[in-house]
PDB file of N, CA and C in Angstrom:
ATOM      1  N   UNK A   1     -78.301 158.844  -7.853  1.00  0.00           N
ATOM      2  CA  UNK A   1     -78.506 157.452  -7.524  1.00  0.00           C
ATOM      3  C   UNK A   1     -78.003 156.622  -8.698  1.00  0.00           C
ATOM      4  N   UNK A   2     -77.070 155.741  -8.429  1.00  0.00           N
ATOM      5  CA  UNK A   2     -76.535 154.880  -9.480  1.00  0.00           C
ATOM      6  C   UNK A   2     -77.419 153.668  -9.652  1.00  0.00           C
ATOM      7  N   UNK A   3     -77.451 153.179 -10.867  1.00  0.00           N
ATOM      8  CA  UNK A   3     -78.195 151.946 -11.136  1.00  0.00           C
ATOM      9  C   UNK A   3     -77.344 150.765 -10.649  1.00  0.00           C
ATOM     10  N   UNK A   4     -77.981 149.647 -10.296  1.00  0.00           N
ATOM     11  CA  UNK A   4     -77.246 148.506  -9.724  1.00  0.00           C
ATOM     12  C   UNK A   4     -76.149 147.977 -10.640  1.00  0.00           C
ATOM     13  N   UNK A   5     -75.080 147.535 -10.010  1.00  0.00           N
ATOM     14  CA  UNK A   5     -73.981 146.913 -10.736  1.00  0.00           C
ATOM     15  C   UNK A   5     -74.237 145.411 -10.779  1.00  0.00           C
ATOM     16  N   UNK A   6     -73.613 144.740 -11.725  1.00  0.00           N
ATOM     17  CA  UNK A   6     -73.805 143.300 -11.798  1.00  0.00           C
ATOM     18  C   UNK A   6     -72.446 142.613 -11.756  1.00  0.00           C
ATOM     19  N   UNK A   7     -72.479 141.304 -11.648  1.00  0.00           N
ATOM     20  CA  UNK A   7     -71.245 140.535 -11.636  1.00  0.00           C
ATOM     21  C   UNK A   7     -70.976 139.922 -10.273  1.00  0.00           C
ATOM     22  N   UNK A   8     -70.449 138.720 -10.272  1.00  0.00           N
ATOM     23  CA  UNK A   8     -70.198 138.007  -9.026  1.00  0.00           C
ATOM     24  C   UNK A   8     -69.180 138.731  -8.159  1.00  0.00           C
ATOM     25  N   UNK A   9     -68.151 139.338  -8.762  1.00  0.00           N
ATOM     26  CA  UNK A   9     -67.110 139.988  -7.964  1.00  0.00           C
ATOM     27  C   UNK A   9     -67.631 141.229  -7.240  1.00  0.00           C
ATOM     28  N   UNK A  10     -68.796 141.714  -7.598  1.00  0.00           N
ATOM     29  CA  UNK A  10     -69.395 142.854  -6.905  1.00  0.00           C
ATOM     30  C   UNK A  10     -70.337 142.410  -5.782  1.00  0.00           C
ATOM     31  N   UNK A  11     -70.556 141.108  -5.628  1.00  0.00           N
ATOM     32  CA  UNK A  11     -71.555 140.627  -4.673  1.00  0.00           C
ATOM     33  C   UNK A  11     -71.331 141.112  -3.241  1.00  0.00           C
ATOM     34  N   UNK A  12     -70.135 140.982  -2.649  1.00  0.00           N
ATOM     35  CA  UNK A  12     -69.976 141.426  -1.249  1.00  0.00           C
ATOM     36  C   UNK A  12     -70.307 142.908  -1.065  1.00  0.00           C
ATOM     37  N   UNK A  13     -69.868 143.725  -1.993  1.00  0.00           N
ATOM     38  CA  UNK A  13     -70.127 145.160  -1.893  1.00  0.00           C
ATOM     39  C   UNK A  13     -71.613 145.456  -2.081  1.00  0.00           C
ATOM     40  N   UNK A  14     -72.233 144.839  -3.071  1.00  0.00           N
ATOM     41  CA  UNK A  14     -73.674 145.060  -3.303  1.00  0.00           C
ATOM     42  C   UNK A  14     -74.490 144.576  -2.114  1.00  0.00           C
ATOM     43  N   UNK A  15     -74.113 143.437  -1.540  1.00  0.00           N
ATOM     44  CA  UNK A  15     -74.829 142.894  -0.385  1.00  0.00           C
ATOM     45  C   UNK A  15     -74.745 143.858   0.798  1.00  0.00           C
ATOM     46  N   UNK A  16     -73.528 144.320   1.096  1.00  0.00           N
ATOM     47  CA  UNK A  16     -73.336 145.251   2.219  1.00  0.00           C
ATOM     48  C   UNK A  16     -74.111 146.540   1.988  1.00  0.00           C
ATOM     49  N   UNK A  17     -74.047 147.081   0.774  1.00  0.00           N
ATOM     50  CA  UNK A  17     -74.779 148.312   0.473  1.00  0.00           C
ATOM     51  C   UNK A  17     -76.278 148.113   0.662  1.00  0.00           C
ATOM     52  N   UNK A  18     -76.791 146.959   0.250  1.00  0.00           N
ATOM     53  CA  UNK A  18     -78.218 146.678   0.407  1.00  0.00           C
ATOM     54  C   UNK A  18     -78.629 146.580   1.866  1.00  0.00           C
ATOM     55  N   UNK A  19     -77.814 145.919   2.669  1.00  0.00           N
ATOM     56  CA  UNK A  19     -78.109 145.787   4.104  1.00  0.00           C
ATOM     57  C   UNK A  19     -78.113 147.161   4.769  1.00  0.00           C
ATOM     58  N   UNK A  20     -77.116 147.974   4.487  1.00  0.00           N
ATOM     59  CA  UNK A  20     -77.044 149.297   5.118  1.00  0.00           C
ATOM     60  C   UNK A  20     -78.140 150.224   4.618  1.00  0.00           C
ATOM     61  N   UNK A  21     -78.469 150.120   3.348  1.00  0.00           N
ATOM     62  CA  UNK A  21     -79.566 150.927   2.804  1.00  0.00           C
ATOM     63  C   UNK A  21     -80.881 150.564   3.508  1.00  0.00           C
ATOM     64  N   UNK A  22     -81.112 149.271   3.715  1.00  0.00           N
ATOM     65  CA  UNK A  22     -82.320 148.824   4.404  1.00  0.00           C
ATOM     66  C   UNK A  22     -82.303 149.273   5.869  1.00  0.00           C
ATOM     67  N   UNK A  23     -81.159 149.168   6.533  1.00  0.00           N
ATOM     68  CA  UNK A  23     -81.044 149.578   7.931  1.00  0.00           C
ATOM     69  C   UNK A  23     -81.360 151.065   8.092  1.00  0.00           C
ATOM     70  N   UNK A  24     -80.781 151.897   7.246  1.00  0.00           N
ATOM     71  CA  UNK A  24     -81.038 153.340   7.321  1.00  0.00           C
ATOM     72  C   UNK A  24     -82.504 153.630   7.013  1.00  0.00           C
ATOM     73  N   UNK A  25     -83.059 152.945   6.030  1.00  0.00           N
ATOM     74  CA  UNK A  25     -84.476 153.142   5.700  1.00  0.00           C
ATOM     75  C   UNK A  25     -85.365 152.824   6.894  1.00  0.00           C
ATOM     76  N   UNK A  26     -85.041 151.770   7.625  1.00  0.00           N
ATOM     77  CA  UNK A  26     -85.832 151.386   8.805  1.00  0.00           C
ATOM     78  C   UNK A  26     -85.617 152.380   9.946  1.00  0.00           C
ATOM     79  N   UNK A  27     -84.363 152.702  10.248  1.00  0.00           N
ATOM     80  CA  UNK A  27     -84.075 153.582  11.384  1.00  0.00           C
ATOM     81  C   UNK A  27     -84.616 154.997  11.201  1.00  0.00           C
ATOM     82  N   UNK A  28     -84.593 155.496   9.966  1.00  0.00           N
ATOM     83  CA  UNK A  28     -85.080 156.858   9.719  1.00  0.00           C
ATOM     84  C   UNK A  28     -86.505 156.860   9.151  1.00  0.00           C
ATOM     85  N   UNK A  29     -87.083 155.666   8.997  1.00  0.00           N
ATOM     86  CA  UNK A  29     -88.452 155.511   8.485  1.00  0.00           C
ATOM     87  C   UNK A  29     -88.654 156.270   7.173  1.00  0.00           C
ATOM     88  N   UNK A  30     -87.711 156.062   6.268  1.00  0.00           N
ATOM     89  CA  UNK A  30     -87.776 156.709   4.959  1.00  0.00           C
ATOM     90  C   UNK A  30     -87.049 155.829   3.961  1.00  0.00           C
ATOM     91  N   UNK A  31     -87.637 155.609   2.799  1.00  0.00           N
ATOM     92  CA  UNK A  31     -86.991 154.781   1.784  1.00  0.00           C
ATOM     93  C   UNK A  31     -85.753 155.506   1.253  1.00  0.00           C
ATOM     94  N   UNK A  32     -84.628 154.819   1.319  1.00  0.00           N
ATOM     95  CA  UNK A  32     -83.359 155.361   0.834  1.00  0.00           C
ATOM     96  C   UNK A  32     -82.887 154.463  -0.310  1.00  0.00           C
ATOM     97  N   UNK A  33     -83.038 154.902  -1.556  1.00  0.00           N
ATOM     98  CA  UNK A  33     -82.654 154.043  -2.677  1.00  0.00           C
ATOM     99  C   UNK A  33     -81.143 153.908  -2.878  1.00  0.00           C
ATOM    100  N   UNK A  34     -80.362 154.893  -2.431  1.00  0.00           N
ATOM    101  CA  UNK A  34     -78.908 154.810  -2.598  1.00  0.00           C
ATOM    102  C   UNK A  34     -78.234 155.618  -1.498  1.00  0.00           C
ATOM    103  N   UNK A  35     -77.622 154.931  -0.564  1.00  0.00           N
ATOM    104  CA  UNK A  35     -77.012 155.589   0.588  1.00  0.00           C
ATOM    105  C   UNK A  35     -75.663 156.217   0.265  1.00  0.00           C
ATOM    106  N   UNK A  36     -74.921 155.613  -0.642  1.00  0.00           N
ATOM    107  CA  UNK A  36     -73.562 156.117  -0.841  1.00  0.00           C
ATOM    108  C   UNK A  36     -73.160 156.334  -2.295  1.00  0.00           C
ATOM    109  N   UNK A  37     -74.066 156.842  -3.095  1.00  0.00           N
ATOM    110  CA  UNK A  37     -73.626 157.277  -4.425  1.00  0.00           C
ATOM    111  C   UNK A  37     -72.813 158.555  -4.226  1.00  0.00           C
ATOM    112  N   UNK A  38     -71.959 158.860  -5.144  1.00  0.00           N
ATOM    113  CA  UNK A  38     -71.010 159.940  -4.923  1.00  0.00           C
ATOM    114  C   UNK A  38     -71.487 161.358  -5.145  1.00  0.00           C
ATOM    115  N   UNK A  39     -72.607 161.577  -5.778  1.00  0.00           N
ATOM    116  CA  UNK A  39     -73.004 162.941  -6.109  1.00  0.00           C
ATOM    117  C   UNK A  39     -74.080 163.443  -5.162  1.00  0.00           C
ATOM    118  N   UNK A  40     -73.811 164.583  -4.536  1.00  0.00           N
ATOM    119  CA  UNK A  40     -74.777 165.238  -3.653  1.00  0.00           C
ATOM    120  C   UNK A  40     -74.797 166.713  -4.005  1.00  0.00           C
ATOM    121  N   UNK A  41     -75.959 167.309  -3.930  1.00  0.00           N
ATOM    122  CA  UNK A  41     -76.109 168.734  -4.197  1.00  0.00           C
ATOM    123  C   UNK A  41     -76.908 169.328  -3.053  1.00  0.00           C
ATOM    124  N   UNK A  42     -76.327 170.312  -2.369  1.00  0.00           N
ATOM    125  CA  UNK A  42     -77.003 170.936  -1.235  1.00  0.00           C
ATOM    126  C   UNK A  42     -76.395 172.310  -1.002  1.00  0.00           C
ATOM    127  N   UNK A  43     -77.126 173.185  -0.314  1.00  0.00           N
ATOM    128  CA  UNK A  43     -76.586 174.512  -0.023  1.00  0.00           C
ATOM    129  C   UNK A  43     -75.344 174.414   0.876  1.00  0.00           C
ATOM    130  N   UNK A  44     -74.397 175.278   0.651  1.00  0.00           N
ATOM    131  CA  UNK A  44     -73.150 175.298   1.419  1.00  0.00           C
ATOM    132  C   UNK A  44     -73.415 175.410   2.917  1.00  0.00           C
ATOM    133  N   UNK A  45     -74.393 176.227   3.296  1.00  0.00           N
ATOM    134  CA  UNK A  45     -74.669 176.424   4.722  1.00  0.00           C
ATOM    135  C   UNK A  45     -75.064 175.109   5.398  1.00  0.00           C
ATOM    136  N   UNK A  46     -75.723 174.212   4.660  1.00  0.00           N
ATOM    137  CA  UNK A  46     -76.070 172.910   5.243  1.00  0.00           C
ATOM    138  C   UNK A  46     -74.819 172.059   5.450  1.00  0.00           C
ATOM    139  N   UNK A  47     -73.912 172.083   4.482  1.00  0.00           N
ATOM    140  CA  UNK A  47     -72.678 171.301   4.603  1.00  0.00           C
ATOM    141  C   UNK A  47     -71.833 171.790   5.771  1.00  0.00           C
ATOM    142  N   UNK A  48     -71.824 173.086   6.012  1.00  0.00           N
ATOM    143  CA  UNK A  48     -71.025 173.629   7.114  1.00  0.00           C
ATOM    144  C   UNK A  48     -71.528 173.150   8.475  1.00  0.00           C
ATOM    145  N   UNK A  49     -72.778 172.700   8.535  1.00  0.00           N
ATOM    146  CA  UNK A  49     -73.336 172.202   9.795  1.00  0.00           C
ATOM    147  C   UNK A  49     -72.749 170.848  10.190  1.00  0.00           C
ATOM    148  N   UNK A  50     -72.313 170.051   9.212  1.00  0.00           N
ATOM    149  CA  UNK A  50     -71.851 168.699   9.535  1.00  0.00           C
ATOM    150  C   UNK A  50     -70.431 168.393   9.081  1.00  0.00           C
ATOM    151  N   UNK A  51     -69.781 169.285   8.344  1.00  0.00           N
ATOM    152  CA  UNK A  51     -68.477 168.962   7.773  1.00  0.00           C
ATOM    153  C   UNK A  51     -67.429 168.633   8.847  1.00  0.00           C
ATOM    154  N   UNK A  52     -67.532 169.231  10.033  1.00  0.00           N
ATOM    155  CA  UNK A  52     -66.566 168.928  11.100  1.00  0.00           C
ATOM    156  C   UNK A  52     -66.718 167.489  11.603  1.00  0.00           C
ATOM    157  N   UNK A  53     -67.882 166.904  11.410  1.00  0.00           N
ATOM    158  CA  UNK A  53     -68.133 165.538  11.880  1.00  0.00           C
ATOM    159  C   UNK A  53     -67.691 164.482  10.870  1.00  0.00           C
ATOM    160  N   UNK A  54     -67.157 164.898   9.747  1.00  0.00           N
ATOM    161  CA  UNK A  54     -66.753 163.960   8.704  1.00  0.00           C
ATOM    162  C   UNK A  54     -65.531 163.161   9.152  1.00  0.00           C
ATOM    163  N   UNK A  55     -65.669 161.836   9.288  1.00  0.00           N
ATOM    164  CA  UNK A  55     -64.526 161.030   9.719  1.00  0.00           C
ATOM    165  C   UNK A  55     -63.471 160.929   8.617  1.00  0.00           C
ATOM    166  N   UNK A  56     -62.224 160.864   9.020  1.00  0.00           N
ATOM    167  CA  UNK A  56     -61.119 160.773   8.069  1.00  0.00           C
ATOM    168  C   UNK A  56     -61.244 159.491   7.242  1.00  0.00           C
ATOM    169  N   UNK A  57     -61.162 159.642   5.935  1.00  0.00           N
ATOM    170  CA  UNK A  57     -61.178 158.487   5.050  1.00  0.00           C
ATOM    171  C   UNK A  57     -62.527 157.830   4.882  1.00  0.00           C
ATOM    172  N   UNK A  58     -63.607 158.518   5.259  1.00  0.00           N
ATOM    173  CA  UNK A  58     -64.932 157.920   5.154  1.00  0.00           C
ATOM    174  C   UNK A  58     -65.742 158.646   4.102  1.00  0.00           C
ATOM    175  N   UNK A  59     -66.756 157.996   3.596  1.00  0.00           N
ATOM    176  CA  UNK A  59     -67.575 158.529   2.519  1.00  0.00           C
ATOM    177  C   UNK A  59     -68.315 159.808   2.901  1.00  0.00           C
ATOM    178  N   UNK A  60     -67.956 160.875   2.249  1.00  0.00           N
ATOM    179  CA  UNK A  60     -68.633 162.156   2.460  1.00  0.00           C
ATOM    180  C   UNK A  60     -70.099 162.046   2.049  1.00  0.00           C
ATOM    181  N   UNK A  61     -70.386 161.313   0.984  1.00  0.00           N
ATOM    182  CA  UNK A  61     -71.766 161.183   0.504  1.00  0.00           C
ATOM    183  C   UNK A  61     -72.655 160.506   1.540  1.00  0.00           C
ATOM    184  N   UNK A  62     -72.148 159.488   2.198  1.00  0.00           N
ATOM    185  CA  UNK A  62     -72.930 158.796   3.222  1.00  0.00           C
ATOM    186  C   UNK A  62     -73.204 159.708   4.403  1.00  0.00           C
ATOM    187  N   UNK A  63     -72.182 160.405   4.877  1.00  0.00           N
ATOM    188  CA  UNK A  63     -72.356 161.328   6.002  1.00  0.00           C
ATOM    189  C   UNK A  63     -73.319 162.447   5.623  1.00  0.00           C
ATOM    190  N   UNK A  64     -73.218 162.949   4.403  1.00  0.00           N
ATOM    191  CA  UNK A  64     -74.140 163.999   3.950  1.00  0.00           C
ATOM    192  C   UNK A  64     -75.580 163.502   3.978  1.00  0.00           C
ATOM    193  N   UNK A  65     -75.801 162.279   3.534  1.00  0.00           N
ATOM    194  CA  UNK A  65     -77.154 161.715   3.548  1.00  0.00           C
ATOM    195  C   UNK A  65     -77.670 161.590   4.973  1.00  0.00           C
ATOM    196  N   UNK A  66     -76.858 161.043   5.872  1.00  0.00           N
ATOM    197  CA  UNK A  66     -77.287 160.858   7.261  1.00  0.00           C
ATOM    198  C   UNK A  66     -77.522 162.198   7.951  1.00  0.00           C
ATOM    199  N   UNK A  67     -76.662 163.175   7.684  1.00  0.00           N
ATOM    200  CA  UNK A  67     -76.835 164.503   8.285  1.00  0.00           C
ATOM    201  C   UNK A  67     -78.126 165.152   7.799  1.00  0.00           C
ATOM    202  N   UNK A  68     -78.405 165.047   6.520  1.00  0.00           N
ATOM    203  CA  UNK A  68     -79.646 165.622   5.977  1.00  0.00           C
ATOM    204  C   UNK A  68     -80.873 164.913   6.541  1.00  0.00           C
ATOM    205  N   UNK A  69     -80.796 163.603   6.703  1.00  0.00           N
ATOM    206  CA  UNK A  69     -81.905 162.864   7.314  1.00  0.00           C
ATOM    207  C   UNK A  69     -82.138 163.345   8.741  1.00  0.00           C
ATOM    208  N   UNK A  70     -81.053 163.519   9.501  1.00  0.00           N
ATOM    209  CA  UNK A  70     -81.176 163.971  10.891  1.00  0.00           C
ATOM    210  C   UNK A  70     -81.801 165.353  10.996  1.00  0.00           C
ATOM    211  N   UNK A  71     -81.463 166.214  10.082  1.00  0.00           N
ATOM    212  CA  UNK A  71     -81.946 167.595  10.148  1.00  0.00           C
ATOM    213  C   UNK A  71     -83.291 167.788   9.458  1.00  0.00           C
ATOM    214  N   UNK A  72     -83.798 166.732   8.834  1.00  0.00           N
ATOM    215  CA  UNK A  72     -85.097 166.830   8.181  1.00  0.00           C
ATOM    216  C   UNK A  72     -85.075 167.590   6.867  1.00  0.00           C
ATOM    217  N   UNK A  73     -83.896 167.707   6.251  1.00  0.00           N
ATOM    218  CA  UNK A  73     -83.809 168.391   4.966  1.00  0.00           C
ATOM    219  C   UNK A  73     -84.410 167.504   3.879  1.00  0.00           C
ATOM    220  N   UNK A  74     -85.003 168.101   2.869  1.00  0.00           N
ATOM    221  CA  UNK A  74     -85.573 167.289   1.790  1.00  0.00           C
ATOM    222  C   UNK A  74     -84.471 166.584   0.998  1.00  0.00           C
ATOM    223  N   UNK A  75     -84.729 165.348   0.634  1.00  0.00           N
ATOM    224  CA  UNK A  75     -83.796 164.562  -0.170  1.00  0.00           C
ATOM    225  C   UNK A  75     -84.522 164.081  -1.416  1.00  0.00           C
ATOM    226  N   UNK A  76     -83.853 164.157  -2.531  1.00  0.00           N
ATOM    227  CA  UNK A  76     -84.400 163.673  -3.792  1.00  0.00           C
ATOM    228  C   UNK A  76     -83.350 162.772  -4.423  1.00  0.00           C
ATOM    229  N   UNK A  77     -83.735 161.576  -4.783  1.00  0.00           N
ATOM    230  CA  UNK A  77     -82.820 160.622  -5.403  1.00  0.00           C
ATOM    231  C   UNK A  77     -83.189 160.505  -6.874  1.00  0.00           C
ATOM    232  N   UNK A  78     -82.237 160.786  -7.750  1.00  0.00           N
ATOM    233  CA  UNK A  78     -82.476 160.780  -9.189  1.00  0.00           C
ATOM    234  C   UNK A  78     -81.585 159.720  -9.831  1.00  0.00           C
ATOM    235  N   UNK A  79     -82.176 158.703 -10.491  1.00  0.00           N
ATOM    236  CA  UNK A  79     -81.355 157.681 -11.153  1.00  0.00           C
ATOM    237  C   UNK A  79     -80.546 158.293 -12.301  1.00  0.00           C
ATOM    238  N   UNK A  80     -79.306 157.893 -12.414  1.00  0.00           N
ATOM    239  CA  UNK A  80     -78.456 158.362 -13.507  1.00  0.00           C
ATOM    240  C   UNK A  80     -77.782 157.165 -14.168  1.00  0.00           C
ATOM    241  N   UNK A  81     -77.442 157.323 -15.424  1.00  0.00           N
ATOM    242  CA  UNK A  81     -76.649 156.321 -16.127  1.00  0.00           C
ATOM    243  C   UNK A  81     -75.188 156.738 -16.039  1.00  0.00           C
ATOM    244  N   UNK A  82     -74.308 155.785 -16.035  1.00  0.00           N
ATOM    245  CA  UNK A  82     -72.881 156.068 -15.953  1.00  0.00           C
ATOM    246  C   UNK A  82     -72.129 154.988 -16.699  1.00  0.00           C
ATOM    247  N   UNK A  83     -70.909 155.280 -17.041  1.00  0.00           N
ATOM    248  CA  UNK A  83     -70.087 154.314 -17.755  1.00  0.00           C
ATOM    249  C   UNK A  83     -69.626 153.220 -16.804  1.00  0.00           C
ATOM    250  N   UNK A  84     -69.436 152.011 -17.318  1.00  0.00           N
ATOM    251  CA  UNK A  84     -68.923 150.937 -16.458  1.00  0.00           C
ATOM    252  C   UNK A  84     -67.523 151.277 -15.957  1.00  0.00           C
ATOM    253  N   UNK A  85     -67.167 150.694 -14.820  1.00  0.00           N
ATOM    254  CA  UNK A  85     -65.826 150.868 -14.257  1.00  0.00           C
ATOM    255  C   UNK A  85     -64.804 150.365 -15.276  1.00  0.00           C
ATOM    256  N   UNK A  86     -63.714 151.087 -15.442  1.00  0.00           N
ATOM    257  CA  UNK A  86     -62.689 150.662 -16.401  1.00  0.00           C
ATOM    258  C   UNK A  86     -62.051 149.364 -15.908  1.00  0.00           C
ATOM    259  N   UNK A  87     -61.547 148.601 -16.849  1.00  0.00           N
ATOM    260  CA  UNK A  87     -60.947 147.299 -16.510  1.00  0.00           C
ATOM    261  C   UNK A  87     -59.756 147.454 -15.560  1.00  0.00           C
ATOM    262  N   UNK A  88     -59.039 148.559 -15.664  1.00  0.00           N
ATOM    263  CA  UNK A  88     -57.860 148.750 -14.815  1.00  0.00           C
ATOM    264  C   UNK A  88     -58.217 149.291 -13.430  1.00  0.00           C
ATOM    265  N   UNK A  89     -59.455 149.721 -13.244  1.00  0.00           N
ATOM    266  CA  UNK A  89     -59.892 150.281 -11.962  1.00  0.00           C
ATOM    267  C   UNK A  89     -60.443 149.174 -11.067  1.00  0.00           C
ATOM    268  N   UNK A  90     -60.052 149.184  -9.838  1.00  0.00           N
ATOM    269  CA  UNK A  90     -60.511 148.169  -8.882  1.00  0.00           C
ATOM    270  C   UNK A  90     -61.212 148.841  -7.713  1.00  0.00           C
ATOM    271  N   UNK A  91     -62.228 148.185  -7.187  1.00  0.00           N
ATOM    272  CA  UNK A  91     -62.900 148.675  -5.988  1.00  0.00           C
ATOM    273  C   UNK A  91     -61.950 148.527  -4.798  1.00  0.00           C
ATOM    274  N   UNK A  92     -61.982 149.497  -3.902  1.00  0.00           N
ATOM    275  CA  UNK A  92     -61.143 149.441  -2.701  1.00  0.00           C
ATOM    276  C   UNK A  92     -61.939 148.936  -1.502  1.00  0.00           C
ATOM    277  N   UNK A  93     -63.126 148.399  -1.751  1.00  0.00           N
ATOM    278  CA  UNK A  93     -64.005 147.930  -0.684  1.00  0.00           C
ATOM    279  C   UNK A  93     -63.363 146.771   0.067  1.00  0.00           C
ATOM    280  N   UNK A  94     -63.275 146.909   1.401  1.00  0.00           N
ATOM    281  CA  UNK A  94     -62.779 145.848   2.283  1.00  0.00           C
ATOM    282  C   UNK A  94     -63.984 145.400   3.110  1.00  0.00           C
ATOM    283  N   UNK A  95     -64.540 144.237   2.822  1.00  0.00           N
ATOM    284  CA  UNK A  95     -65.833 143.846   3.397  1.00  0.00           C
ATOM    285  C   UNK A  95     -65.950 143.987   4.912  1.00  0.00           C
ATOM    286  N   UNK A  96     -65.006 143.503   5.678  1.00  0.00           N
ATOM    287  CA  UNK A  96     -65.144 143.524   7.138  1.00  0.00           C
ATOM    288  C   UNK A  96     -64.892 144.925   7.695  1.00  0.00           C
ATOM    289  N   UNK A  97     -63.765 145.505   7.347  1.00  0.00           N
ATOM    290  CA  UNK A  97     -63.389 146.815   7.891  1.00  0.00           C
ATOM    291  C   UNK A  97     -64.379 147.894   7.463  1.00  0.00           C
ATOM    292  N   UNK A  98     -64.667 147.956   6.175  1.00  0.00           N
ATOM    293  CA  UNK A  98     -65.556 149.011   5.680  1.00  0.00           C
ATOM    294  C   UNK A  98     -66.985 148.832   6.178  1.00  0.00           C
ATOM    295  N   UNK A  99     -67.443 147.596   6.293  1.00  0.00           N
ATOM    296  CA  UNK A  99     -68.796 147.354   6.818  1.00  0.00           C
ATOM    297  C   UNK A  99     -68.891 147.750   8.285  1.00  0.00           C
ATOM    298  N   UNK A 100     -67.852 147.446   9.056  1.00  0.00           N
ATOM    299  CA  UNK A 100     -67.853 147.831  10.477  1.00  0.00           C
ATOM    300  C   UNK A 100     -67.855 149.352  10.621  1.00  0.00           C
ATOM    301  N   UNK A 101     -67.067 150.034   9.814  1.00  0.00           N
ATOM    302  CA  UNK A 101     -67.040 151.505   9.865  1.00  0.00           C
ATOM    303  C   UNK A 101     -68.392 152.088   9.461  1.00  0.00           C
ATOM    304  N   UNK A 102     -69.003 151.519   8.433  1.00  0.00           N
ATOM    305  CA  UNK A 102     -70.305 152.015   7.983  1.00  0.00           C
ATOM    306  C   UNK A 102     -71.353 151.816   9.068  1.00  0.00           C
ATOM    307  N   UNK A 103     -71.384 150.639   9.674  1.00  0.00           N
ATOM    308  CA  UNK A 103     -72.338 150.378  10.752  1.00  0.00           C
ATOM    309  C   UNK A 103     -72.118 151.361  11.900  1.00  0.00           C
ATOM    310  N   UNK A 104     -70.862 151.599  12.254  1.00  0.00           N
ATOM    311  CA  UNK A 104     -70.558 152.560  13.314  1.00  0.00           C
ATOM    312  C   UNK A 104     -71.071 153.951  12.991  1.00  0.00           C
ATOM    313  N   UNK A 105     -70.887 154.392  11.761  1.00  0.00           N
ATOM    314  CA  UNK A 105     -71.369 155.719  11.365  1.00  0.00           C
ATOM    315  C   UNK A 105     -72.896 155.796  11.389  1.00  0.00           C
ATOM    316  N   UNK A 106     -73.555 154.757  10.913  1.00  0.00           N
ATOM    317  CA  UNK A 106     -75.026 154.754  10.917  1.00  0.00           C
ATOM    318  C   UNK A 106     -75.537 154.854  12.347  1.00  0.00           C
ATOM    319  N   UNK A 107     -74.986 154.051  13.246  1.00  0.00           N
ATOM    320  CA  UNK A 107     -75.435 154.076  14.643  1.00  0.00           C
ATOM    321  C   UNK A 107     -75.094 155.402  15.310  1.00  0.00           C
ATOM    322  N   UNK A 108     -73.925 155.952  15.023  1.00  0.00           N
ATOM    323  CA  UNK A 108     -73.539 157.251  15.580  1.00  0.00           C
ATOM    324  C   UNK A 108     -74.509 158.348  15.137  1.00  0.00           C
ATOM    325  N   UNK A 109     -74.817 158.396  13.854  1.00  0.00           N
ATOM    326  CA  UNK A 109     -75.736 159.424  13.355  1.00  0.00           C
ATOM    327  C   UNK A 109     -77.152 159.196  13.865  1.00  0.00           C
ATOM    328  N   UNK A 110     -77.526 157.941  14.085  1.00  0.00           N
ATOM    329  CA  UNK A 110     -78.860 157.676  14.649  1.00  0.00           C
ATOM    330  C   UNK A 110     -78.929 158.189  16.084  1.00  0.00           C
ATOM    331  N   UNK A 111     -77.859 157.998  16.865  1.00  0.00           N
ATOM    332  CA  UNK A 111     -77.830 158.526  18.234  1.00  0.00           C
ATOM    333  C   UNK A 111     -77.844 160.050  18.216  1.00  0.00           C
ATOM    334  N   UNK A 112     -77.158 160.650  17.258  1.00  0.00           N
ATOM    335  CA  UNK A 112     -77.186 162.112  17.131  1.00  0.00           C
ATOM    336  C   UNK A 112     -78.596 162.598  16.828  1.00  0.00           C
ATOM    337  N   UNK A 113     -79.335 161.835  16.054  1.00  0.00           N
ATOM    338  CA  UNK A 113     -80.715 162.223  15.748  1.00  0.00           C
ATOM    339  C   UNK A 113     -81.539 162.253  17.025  1.00  0.00           C
ATOM    340  N   UNK A 114     -81.357 161.248  17.859  1.00  0.00           N
ATOM    341  CA  UNK A 114     -82.101 161.211  19.130  1.00  0.00           C
ATOM    342  C   UNK A 114     -81.739 162.400  20.006  1.00  0.00           C
ATOM    343  N   UNK A 115     -80.443 162.725  20.102  1.00  0.00           N
ATOM    344  CA  UNK A 115     -80.049 163.846  20.960  1.00  0.00           C
ATOM    345  C   UNK A 115     -80.517 165.173  20.368  1.00  0.00           C
ATOM    346  N   UNK A 116     -80.550 165.294  19.046  1.00  0.00           N
ATOM    347  CA  UNK A 116     -81.066 166.520  18.413  1.00  0.00           C
ATOM    348  C   UNK A 116     -82.555 166.666  18.691  1.00  0.00           C
ATOM    349  N   UNK A 117     -83.283 165.551  18.653  1.00  0.00           N
ATOM    350  CA  UNK A 117     -84.731 165.589  18.879  1.00  0.00           C
ATOM    351  C   UNK A 117     -85.061 166.033  20.295  1.00  0.00           C
ATOM    352  N   UNK A 118     -84.243 165.639  21.268  1.00  0.00           N
ATOM    353  CA  UNK A 118     -84.498 165.991  22.668  1.00  0.00           C
ATOM    354  C   UNK A 118     -84.314 167.481  22.914  1.00  0.00           C
ATOM    355  N   UNK A 119     -83.450 168.124  22.119  1.00  0.00           N
ATOM    356  CA  UNK A 119     -83.144 169.538  22.334  1.00  0.00           C
ATOM    357  C   UNK A 119     -84.016 170.472  21.514  1.00  0.00           C
ATOM    358  N   UNK A 120     -84.919 169.943  20.725  1.00  0.00           N
ATOM    359  CA  UNK A 120     -85.782 170.797  19.897  1.00  0.00           C
ATOM    360  C   UNK A 120     -86.981 171.252  20.652  1.00  0.00           C
TER     361      UNK A 120
END
């Protein structure tokens, strides 16, 4: 779990991340402090259950979190410190396109949770 970033130029990305984090927390009834930080650790056999569902060009970390939530696997979020983004590095976040894709993935995984629950 990364600590919050600051700065006005990060506002659209931070806002979108906060909205989606809150949405997932409500839909799965579990507090999610960081939906899309890049580091995940899980057994290989768990990843093989959802890796085929990974959309092209989409965050593997987000899909891993949603898949683990759907399957009821334990999740632990650990805050870490990290170096600031280098001055030459730019975020590739596109507010409208990326937010729409994220919302689509959240709703898709939520529907998968419902269908998984019916078959248990």
